[in-house]
Amino acid sequence: MSQQPQKRTWMVREDPEGQVIAVVHLRTESRGILLSSFAIDET
C-alpha cells in the first residue's frame, strides 16, 4: 500500500448564525499542523 500524505485539506463549516467559516489545513510529510486559518463573513 502506498501512503499519500494530504497536503491541502479544505474544511467549510456553516454556523447557525449564518457565517461561513473556511479553514485551510496544510499538512506536510514531517509536520501536520494548522498553518493558515481564516473566516469568511457573509453579510
Protein backbone atom coordinates (compact mmCIF):
# COMPACT_ATOMS: atom_id res chain seq x y z
CA MET A 1 0.00 0.00 0.00
CA SER A 2 1.33 3.42 -0.93
CA GLN A 3 0.76 6.14 1.62
CA GLN A 4 -0.22 9.50 0.16
CA PRO A 5 0.03 12.46 2.58
CA GLN A 6 -2.69 15.08 2.28
CA LYS A 7 -1.08 18.41 1.53
CA ARG A 8 -4.20 20.54 1.49
CA THR A 9 -7.39 19.89 3.41
CA TRP A 10 -10.34 22.23 2.97
CA MET A 11 -12.98 22.35 5.67
CA VAL A 12 -16.07 24.50 5.17
CA ARG A 13 -18.44 24.95 8.08
CA GLU A 14 -21.61 26.99 8.24
CA ASP A 15 -22.52 28.46 11.60
CA PRO A 16 -26.17 28.72 12.72
CA GLU A 17 -25.72 32.48 12.79
CA GLY A 18 -25.19 32.47 9.04
CA GLN A 19 -21.43 32.73 8.96
CA VAL A 20 -19.38 30.60 6.64
CA ILE A 21 -16.06 29.59 8.15
CA ALA A 22 -13.42 28.16 5.87
CA VAL A 23 -10.42 26.54 7.48
CA VAL A 24 -7.39 25.55 5.48
CA HIS A 25 -5.17 22.86 6.91
CA LEU A 26 -1.76 22.46 5.31
CA ARG A 27 -0.10 19.20 6.28
CA THR A 28 3.47 18.34 5.45
CA GLU A 29 5.18 14.97 5.49
CA SER A 30 7.10 15.70 8.68
CA ARG A 31 4.73 18.17 10.35
CA GLY A 32 0.94 18.12 10.49
CA ILE A 33 -0.07 21.46 11.97
CA LEU A 34 -2.62 24.15 11.33
CA LEU A 35 -0.78 26.57 9.07
CA SER A 36 -3.41 29.04 7.99
CA SER A 37 -6.97 29.61 9.12
CA PHE A 38 -9.33 32.34 8.01
CA ALA A 39 -13.00 33.12 8.43
CA ILE A 40 -15.25 34.42 5.68
CA ASP A 41 -18.06 36.66 6.86
CA GLU A 42 -21.12 36.78 4.62
CA THR A 43 -23.19 39.91 5.01
